[in-house]
Amino acid sequence: MGVMPVMPHYSKRVATVESIFVTESARKSGIGKELMSVIEAYAKEKGCVAILYSAPAGGKFERVLDASKRYRRSNSVFVRNLG
């Protein structure tokens, strides 16, 4: 599980998930949806009112979330390499 901080802007606990991995051979079996359901149930049990998933721009997970009626795009994340 990611982290579950109280977000200062909302004063509510929100779960964040940085990555979910499903092996290529297990994709399209429903295991990814099942994993997300377990994560979301756990977050709700811990008092979270929402969950933020991070998905690589242009990746399969982003397309899955975009196509779903259950999730909406809320933020964009930008990265700058400092190395």
N, C-alpha and C. Protein backbone atom coordinates (compact mmCIF):
# COMPACT_ATOMS: atom_id res chain seq x y z
N MET A 1 0.86 -1.18 0.00
CA MET A 1 0.00 0.00 0.00
C MET A 1 0.89 1.23 0.00
N GLY A 2 0.40 2.27 -0.59
CA GLY A 2 1.13 3.53 -0.61
C GLY A 2 1.05 4.21 0.75
N VAL A 3 0.85 5.49 0.74
CA VAL A 3 0.73 6.24 1.99
C VAL A 3 -0.69 6.75 2.13
N MET A 4 -1.07 7.12 3.37
CA MET A 4 -2.43 7.58 3.64
C MET A 4 -2.41 8.83 4.51
N PRO A 5 -1.87 9.94 3.99
CA PRO A 5 -1.80 11.14 4.81
C PRO A 5 -3.12 11.89 4.85
N VAL A 6 -3.26 12.76 5.84
CA VAL A 6 -4.36 13.71 5.83
C VAL A 6 -3.92 14.84 4.90
N MET A 7 -4.68 15.06 3.84
CA MET A 7 -4.33 16.08 2.85
C MET A 7 -4.71 17.46 3.40
N PRO A 8 -3.75 18.37 3.55
CA PRO A 8 -4.04 19.68 4.12
C PRO A 8 -5.14 20.44 3.40
N HIS A 9 -5.20 20.31 2.09
CA HIS A 9 -6.19 21.05 1.30
C HIS A 9 -7.62 20.63 1.64
N TYR A 10 -7.81 19.34 1.95
CA TYR A 10 -9.14 18.81 2.20
C TYR A 10 -9.39 18.45 3.67
N SER A 11 -8.34 18.38 4.46
CA SER A 11 -8.43 17.94 5.86
C SER A 11 -9.04 16.54 5.98
N LYS A 12 -8.78 15.72 5.00
CA LYS A 12 -9.28 14.34 4.97
C LYS A 12 -8.12 13.40 4.62
N ARG A 13 -8.22 12.15 5.08
CA ARG A 13 -7.20 11.14 4.77
C ARG A 13 -7.45 10.62 3.36
N VAL A 14 -6.40 10.64 2.55
CA VAL A 14 -6.46 10.17 1.16
C VAL A 14 -5.31 9.19 0.93
N ALA A 15 -5.62 8.02 0.38
CA ALA A 15 -4.60 7.02 0.07
C ALA A 15 -3.94 7.35 -1.26
N THR A 16 -2.67 7.07 -1.37
CA THR A 16 -1.96 7.21 -2.64
C THR A 16 -1.26 5.90 -2.97
N VAL A 17 -1.34 5.50 -4.22
CA VAL A 17 -0.71 4.28 -4.69
C VAL A 17 0.20 4.66 -5.84
N GLU A 18 1.48 4.43 -5.66
CA GLU A 18 2.48 4.81 -6.67
C GLU A 18 2.57 3.81 -7.81
N SER A 19 2.33 2.54 -7.55
CA SER A 19 2.43 1.56 -8.63
C SER A 19 1.71 0.28 -8.27
N ILE A 20 1.21 -0.37 -9.29
CA ILE A 20 0.60 -1.69 -9.19
C ILE A 20 1.23 -2.53 -10.29
N PHE A 21 1.63 -3.74 -9.94
CA PHE A 21 2.25 -4.61 -10.93
C PHE A 21 1.44 -5.89 -11.08
N VAL A 22 1.13 -6.24 -12.31
CA VAL A 22 0.49 -7.50 -12.66
C VAL A 22 1.34 -8.10 -13.77
N THR A 23 1.76 -9.34 -13.59
CA THR A 23 2.60 -9.97 -14.61
C THR A 23 1.85 -10.05 -15.94
N GLU A 24 2.61 -10.04 -17.01
CA GLU A 24 2.02 -10.08 -18.36
C GLU A 24 1.07 -11.27 -18.51
N SER A 25 1.47 -12.42 -17.99
CA SER A 25 0.65 -13.62 -18.14
C SER A 25 -0.67 -13.54 -17.36
N ALA A 26 -0.74 -12.70 -16.34
CA ALA A 26 -1.95 -12.58 -15.52
C ALA A 26 -2.87 -11.45 -15.97
N ARG A 27 -2.40 -10.63 -16.89
CA ARG A 27 -3.23 -9.52 -17.36
C ARG A 27 -4.45 -10.06 -18.10
N LYS A 28 -5.51 -9.32 -18.07
CA LYS A 28 -6.80 -9.68 -18.67
C LYS A 28 -7.47 -10.84 -17.95
N SER A 29 -6.98 -11.18 -16.75
CA SER A 29 -7.61 -12.24 -15.96
C SER A 29 -8.54 -11.66 -14.90
N GLY A 30 -8.51 -10.33 -14.74
CA GLY A 30 -9.31 -9.69 -13.70
C GLY A 30 -8.55 -9.50 -12.40
N ILE A 31 -7.33 -10.01 -12.32
CA ILE A 31 -6.56 -9.92 -11.07
C ILE A 31 -6.21 -8.47 -10.74
N GLY A 32 -5.97 -7.64 -11.75
CA GLY A 32 -5.68 -6.23 -11.50
C GLY A 32 -6.85 -5.52 -10.85
N LYS A 33 -8.06 -5.75 -11.38
CA LYS A 33 -9.27 -5.16 -10.78
C LYS A 33 -9.46 -5.67 -9.36
N GLU A 34 -9.21 -6.95 -9.15
CA GLU A 34 -9.35 -7.54 -7.82
C GLU A 34 -8.35 -6.91 -6.85
N LEU A 35 -7.12 -6.73 -7.30
CA LEU A 35 -6.09 -6.10 -6.48
C LEU A 35 -6.49 -4.67 -6.11
N MET A 36 -7.00 -3.93 -7.08
CA MET A 36 -7.44 -2.56 -6.80
C MET A 36 -8.60 -2.55 -5.81
N SER A 37 -9.52 -3.49 -5.93
CA SER A 37 -10.64 -3.57 -4.99
C SER A 37 -10.17 -3.83 -3.57
N VAL A 38 -9.18 -4.71 -3.42
CA VAL A 38 -8.62 -5.00 -2.09
C VAL A 38 -7.93 -3.76 -1.53
N ILE A 39 -7.14 -3.08 -2.36
CA ILE A 39 -6.45 -1.86 -1.94
C ILE A 39 -7.46 -0.81 -1.50
N GLU A 40 -8.51 -0.63 -2.29
CA GLU A 40 -9.52 0.39 -1.98
C GLU A 40 -10.30 0.05 -0.71
N ALA A 41 -10.61 -1.22 -0.51
CA ALA A 41 -11.30 -1.63 0.72
C ALA A 41 -10.42 -1.37 1.94
N TYR A 42 -9.13 -1.68 1.81
CA TYR A 42 -8.19 -1.44 2.91
C TYR A 42 -8.10 0.06 3.22
N ALA A 43 -7.99 0.89 2.18
CA ALA A 43 -7.91 2.34 2.38
C ALA A 43 -9.18 2.86 3.06
N LYS A 44 -10.33 2.38 2.63
CA LYS A 44 -11.59 2.81 3.24
C LYS A 44 -11.64 2.39 4.71
N GLU A 45 -11.21 1.16 4.99
CA GLU A 45 -11.16 0.65 6.37
C GLU A 45 -10.29 1.53 7.26
N LYS A 46 -9.23 2.10 6.68
CA LYS A 46 -8.30 2.95 7.43
C LYS A 46 -8.76 4.41 7.49
N GLY A 47 -9.94 4.70 6.98
CA GLY A 47 -10.50 6.04 7.10
C GLY A 47 -10.25 6.97 5.92
N CYS A 48 -9.77 6.44 4.83
CA CYS A 48 -9.52 7.27 3.64
C CYS A 48 -10.84 7.57 2.93
N VAL A 49 -10.98 8.79 2.44
CA VAL A 49 -12.19 9.19 1.71
C VAL A 49 -11.98 9.11 0.20
N ALA A 50 -10.74 8.92 -0.23
CA ALA A 50 -10.43 8.82 -1.66
C ALA A 50 -9.10 8.11 -1.82
N ILE A 51 -8.80 7.75 -3.06
CA ILE A 51 -7.52 7.11 -3.37
C ILE A 51 -6.98 7.73 -4.65
N LEU A 52 -5.70 8.04 -4.64
CA LEU A 52 -5.01 8.58 -5.81
C LEU A 52 -4.08 7.50 -6.37
N TYR A 53 -4.27 7.15 -7.63
CA TYR A 53 -3.38 6.20 -8.29
C TYR A 53 -2.43 6.97 -9.18
N SER A 54 -1.17 6.61 -9.16
CA SER A 54 -0.18 7.17 -10.08
C SER A 54 -0.02 6.19 -11.23
N ALA A 55 -0.11 6.70 -12.46
CA ALA A 55 0.03 5.85 -13.64
C ALA A 55 0.99 6.53 -14.61
N PRO A 56 1.93 5.77 -15.17
CA PRO A 56 2.86 6.36 -16.14
C PRO A 56 2.11 6.98 -17.33
N ALA A 57 2.48 8.20 -17.69
CA ALA A 57 1.84 8.88 -18.82
C ALA A 57 1.97 8.04 -20.07
N GLY A 58 0.85 7.80 -20.74
CA GLY A 58 0.85 7.03 -21.97
C GLY A 58 0.88 5.52 -21.78
N GLY A 59 0.89 5.07 -20.52
CA GLY A 59 0.99 3.64 -20.24
C GLY A 59 -0.35 2.93 -20.22
N LYS A 60 -0.30 1.62 -20.11
CA LYS A 60 -1.51 0.79 -20.09
C LYS A 60 -2.40 1.10 -18.89
N PHE A 61 -1.77 1.29 -17.72
CA PHE A 61 -2.57 1.56 -16.53
C PHE A 61 -3.31 2.89 -16.67
N GLU A 62 -2.68 3.89 -17.24
CA GLU A 62 -3.36 5.17 -17.49
C GLU A 62 -4.57 4.95 -18.40
N ARG A 63 -4.41 4.16 -19.44
CA ARG A 63 -5.52 3.90 -20.37
C ARG A 63 -6.67 3.15 -19.66
N VAL A 64 -6.31 2.21 -18.80
CA VAL A 64 -7.34 1.47 -18.04
C VAL A 64 -8.13 2.43 -17.15
N LEU A 65 -7.42 3.29 -16.42
CA LEU A 65 -8.10 4.24 -15.53
C LEU A 65 -8.93 5.24 -16.32
N ASP A 66 -8.39 5.74 -17.45
CA ASP A 66 -9.14 6.69 -18.29
C ASP A 66 -10.43 6.08 -18.83
N ALA A 67 -10.39 4.80 -19.17
CA ALA A 67 -11.55 4.14 -19.77
C ALA A 67 -12.62 3.79 -18.74
N SER A 68 -12.26 3.76 -17.49
CA SER A 68 -13.19 3.38 -16.43
C SER A 68 -14.11 4.54 -16.05
N LYS A 69 -15.33 4.21 -15.73
CA LYS A 69 -16.29 5.22 -15.24
C LYS A 69 -16.10 5.49 -13.75
N ARG A 70 -15.32 4.64 -13.07
CA ARG A 70 -15.13 4.76 -11.63
C ARG A 70 -14.05 5.76 -11.23
N TYR A 71 -13.17 6.11 -12.17
CA TYR A 71 -12.03 6.96 -11.85
C TYR A 71 -12.06 8.20 -12.73
N ARG A 72 -11.57 9.31 -12.20
CA ARG A 72 -11.46 10.52 -13.00
C ARG A 72 -10.07 11.09 -12.86
N ARG A 73 -9.61 11.71 -13.90
CA ARG A 73 -8.29 12.35 -13.90
C ARG A 73 -8.38 13.57 -12.99
N SER A 74 -7.42 13.70 -12.06
CA SER A 74 -7.48 14.83 -11.13
C SER A 74 -6.23 15.69 -11.15
N ASN A 75 -5.06 15.12 -11.34
CA ASN A 75 -3.81 15.87 -11.25
C ASN A 75 -2.86 15.42 -12.35
N SER A 76 -1.89 16.24 -12.61
CA SER A 76 -0.76 15.85 -13.45
C SER A 76 0.49 15.93 -12.57
N VAL A 77 1.38 15.00 -12.76
CA VAL A 77 2.62 14.97 -11.99
C VAL A 77 3.77 15.18 -12.96
N PHE A 78 4.68 16.05 -12.61
CA PHE A 78 5.84 16.34 -13.45
C PHE A 78 7.09 15.96 -12.71
N VAL A 79 8.05 15.46 -13.44
CA VAL A 79 9.30 14.99 -12.84
C VAL A 79 10.47 15.74 -13.45
N ARG A 80 11.44 16.06 -12.63
CA ARG A 80 12.69 16.66 -13.09
C ARG A 80 13.83 15.84 -12.52
N ASN A 81 14.65 15.31 -13.38
CA ASN A 81 15.79 14.54 -12.95
C ASN A 81 16.85 15.49 -12.37
N LEU A 82 17.28 15.20 -11.16
CA LEU A 82 18.27 16.06 -10.49
C LEU A 82 19.65 15.41 -10.46
N GLY A 83 19.76 14.25 -11.09
CA GLY A 83 21.03 13.51 -11.03
C GLY A 83 22.03 13.86 -12.08
